[in-house]
């Protein structure tokens, strides 16, 4: 049981970090036309990434240090599949790996809103997979 308790603690930690990213994205989005959309998109991606990592820990799957959502999602056991497409995974991954740096074009506000909606959707799917006992701590 101690290994399970330790694993659940790590799952809770990933969920807490993911929730903080989502809060940051939602709060920043409220700035409207003054919104730094790259920041919103980055935090939306981080929310998804950390929820996927929480699910991987919950399922007992080791994963590499990466922001690549397609790679992380591919590690999920076969019965576990999320609704976001490979294209969506790639777009979100770009927010973590490219959009934060100079040379990336400005992200429209509508796209930042899409990123947050997508993060909320994937969050909901993963929380539904996790037991209530696990998800509750990471409200």
Protein backbone atom coordinates (compact mmCIF):
# COMPACT_ATOMS: atom_id res chain seq x y z
CA UNK A 1 0.00 0.00 0.00
CA UNK A 2 2.78 2.55 0.63
CA UNK A 3 3.72 2.50 -3.09
CA UNK A 4 0.09 3.19 -4.01
CA UNK A 5 -0.12 6.04 -1.47
CA UNK A 6 3.10 7.53 -2.85
CA UNK A 7 1.79 7.22 -6.40
CA UNK A 8 -1.48 8.94 -5.46
CA UNK A 9 0.49 11.74 -3.82
CA UNK A 10 2.37 12.31 -7.07
CA UNK A 11 -0.90 12.24 -9.04
CA UNK A 12 -2.32 14.89 -6.69
CA UNK A 13 0.79 17.02 -7.15
CA UNK A 14 0.48 16.90 -10.96
CA UNK A 15 -3.22 17.78 -10.70
CA UNK A 16 -2.51 20.73 -8.42
CA UNK A 17 0.10 22.11 -10.84
CA UNK A 18 -2.26 21.56 -13.79
CA UNK A 19 -5.06 23.40 -12.02
CA UNK A 20 -2.74 26.33 -11.33
CA UNK A 21 -1.88 26.52 -15.03
CA UNK A 22 -5.55 26.50 -15.97
CA UNK A 23 -6.31 29.24 -13.41
CA UNK A 24 -3.51 31.35 -14.87
CA UNK A 25 -4.80 30.86 -18.42
CA UNK A 26 -8.40 31.70 -17.49
CA UNK A 27 -7.43 34.72 -15.42
CA UNK A 28 -5.10 36.12 -18.07
CA UNK A 29 -7.71 35.62 -20.78
CA UNK A 30 -9.91 38.14 -18.91
CA UNK A 31 -7.57 40.92 -20.07
CA UNK A 32 -9.32 40.81 -23.45
CA UNK A 33 -7.51 42.81 -26.13
CA UNK A 34 -4.58 43.39 -23.73
CA UNK A 35 -4.21 39.65 -23.14
CA UNK A 36 -0.77 38.14 -23.72
CA UNK A 37 -2.18 35.25 -25.74
CA UNK A 38 1.13 33.37 -25.88
CA UNK A 39 1.03 33.15 -22.08
CA UNK A 40 -2.56 31.88 -22.12
CA UNK A 41 -1.71 29.24 -24.72
CA UNK A 42 1.39 28.16 -22.83
CA UNK A 43 -0.58 27.66 -19.60
CA UNK A 44 -3.37 25.83 -21.45
CA UNK A 45 -0.78 23.43 -22.91
CA UNK A 46 0.83 23.00 -19.51
CA UNK A 47 -2.55 22.12 -17.98
CA UNK A 48 -3.09 19.38 -20.55
CA UNK A 49 0.47 18.11 -20.28
CA UNK A 50 0.31 17.87 -16.49
CA UNK A 51 -3.07 16.15 -16.52
CA UNK A 52 -1.73 13.60 -19.01
CA UNK A 53 1.30 13.06 -16.78
CA UNK A 54 -1.00 12.62 -13.75
CA UNK A 55 -2.92 9.97 -15.69
CA UNK A 56 0.31 8.23 -16.69
CA UNK A 57 1.41 8.13 -13.04
CA UNK A 58 -2.02 6.83 -12.04
CA UNK A 59 -1.72 4.05 -14.65
CA UNK A 60 1.85 3.23 -13.54
CA UNK A 61 3.45 4.29 -16.84
CA UNK A 62 6.90 5.89 -16.82
CA UNK A 63 7.34 8.85 -19.15
CA UNK A 64 10.23 11.00 -20.38
CA UNK A 65 10.76 14.67 -19.60
CA UNK A 66 9.02 16.18 -22.59
CA UNK A 67 6.37 18.72 -23.56
CA UNK A 68 5.38 16.62 -26.60
CA UNK A 69 1.73 15.75 -26.02
CA UNK A 70 1.57 13.29 -28.90
CA UNK A 71 4.46 11.36 -27.38
CA UNK A 72 2.94 11.42 -23.90
CA UNK A 73 -0.55 10.43 -25.08
CA UNK A 74 0.95 7.54 -27.07
CA UNK A 75 2.19 6.07 -23.78
CA UNK A 76 -1.33 5.76 -22.36
CA UNK A 77 -2.59 2.17 -22.10
CA UNK A 78 -4.77 1.09 -25.05
CA UNK A 79 -8.18 1.35 -23.37
CA UNK A 80 -7.41 4.96 -22.40
CA UNK A 81 -7.87 7.42 -25.24
CA UNK A 82 -8.50 11.13 -25.14
CA UNK A 83 -10.59 13.08 -27.63
CA UNK A 84 -7.98 15.56 -28.83
CA UNK A 85 -6.57 14.88 -32.26
CA UNK A 86 -2.92 14.58 -33.24
CA UNK A 87 -3.27 18.02 -34.84
CA UNK A 88 -4.57 19.49 -31.59
CA UNK A 89 -1.78 17.79 -29.67
CA UNK A 90 0.78 19.28 -32.05
CA UNK A 91 -0.71 22.75 -31.84
CA UNK A 92 -0.73 22.64 -28.05
CA UNK A 93 2.83 21.30 -27.98
CA UNK A 94 3.94 24.24 -30.12
CA UNK A 95 2.65 26.59 -27.43
CA UNK A 96 5.09 25.05 -24.95
CA UNK A 97 8.06 24.66 -27.25
CA UNK A 98 7.93 27.51 -29.77
CA UNK A 99 5.34 30.18 -28.99
CA UNK A 100 7.19 31.35 -25.86
CA UNK A 101 10.18 32.49 -27.88
CA UNK A 102 10.85 35.33 -30.33
CA UNK A 103 10.04 34.67 -33.96
CA UNK A 104 6.61 33.17 -33.36
CA UNK A 105 3.73 35.11 -34.85
CA UNK A 106 1.16 36.70 -32.57
CA UNK A 107 -1.58 34.34 -31.45
CA UNK A 108 -5.11 35.67 -32.02
CA UNK A 109 -7.38 35.99 -28.97
CA UNK A 110 -9.82 33.49 -30.51
CA UNK A 111 -7.04 30.91 -30.69
CA UNK A 112 -6.13 31.50 -27.05
CA UNK A 113 -9.78 30.93 -26.15
CA UNK A 114 -9.68 27.68 -28.18
CA UNK A 115 -6.61 26.56 -26.22
CA UNK A 116 -8.37 27.13 -22.91
CA UNK A 117 -11.54 25.33 -24.09
CA UNK A 118 -9.40 22.42 -25.24
CA UNK A 119 -7.55 22.30 -21.92
CA UNK A 120 -10.86 22.29 -20.05
CA UNK A 121 -12.21 19.49 -22.25
CA UNK A 122 -9.15 17.27 -21.80
CA UNK A 123 -9.08 18.08 -18.09
CA UNK A 124 -12.66 16.87 -17.82
CA UNK A 125 -11.93 13.66 -19.71
CA UNK A 126 -8.94 12.83 -17.53
CA UNK A 127 -10.75 13.69 -14.31
CA UNK A 128 -13.53 11.31 -15.39
CA UNK A 129 -10.95 8.54 -15.80
CA UNK A 130 -9.34 9.17 -12.45
CA UNK A 131 -11.23 7.94 -9.45
CA UNK A 132 -13.12 10.52 -7.43
CA UNK A 133 -10.69 9.89 -4.60
CA UNK A 134 -7.79 10.95 -6.79
CA UNK A 135 -9.39 13.89 -8.60
CA UNK A 136 -11.04 15.46 -5.55
CA UNK A 137 -7.79 16.63 -4.01
CA UNK A 138 -6.90 18.54 -7.19
CA UNK A 139 -10.09 20.59 -7.50
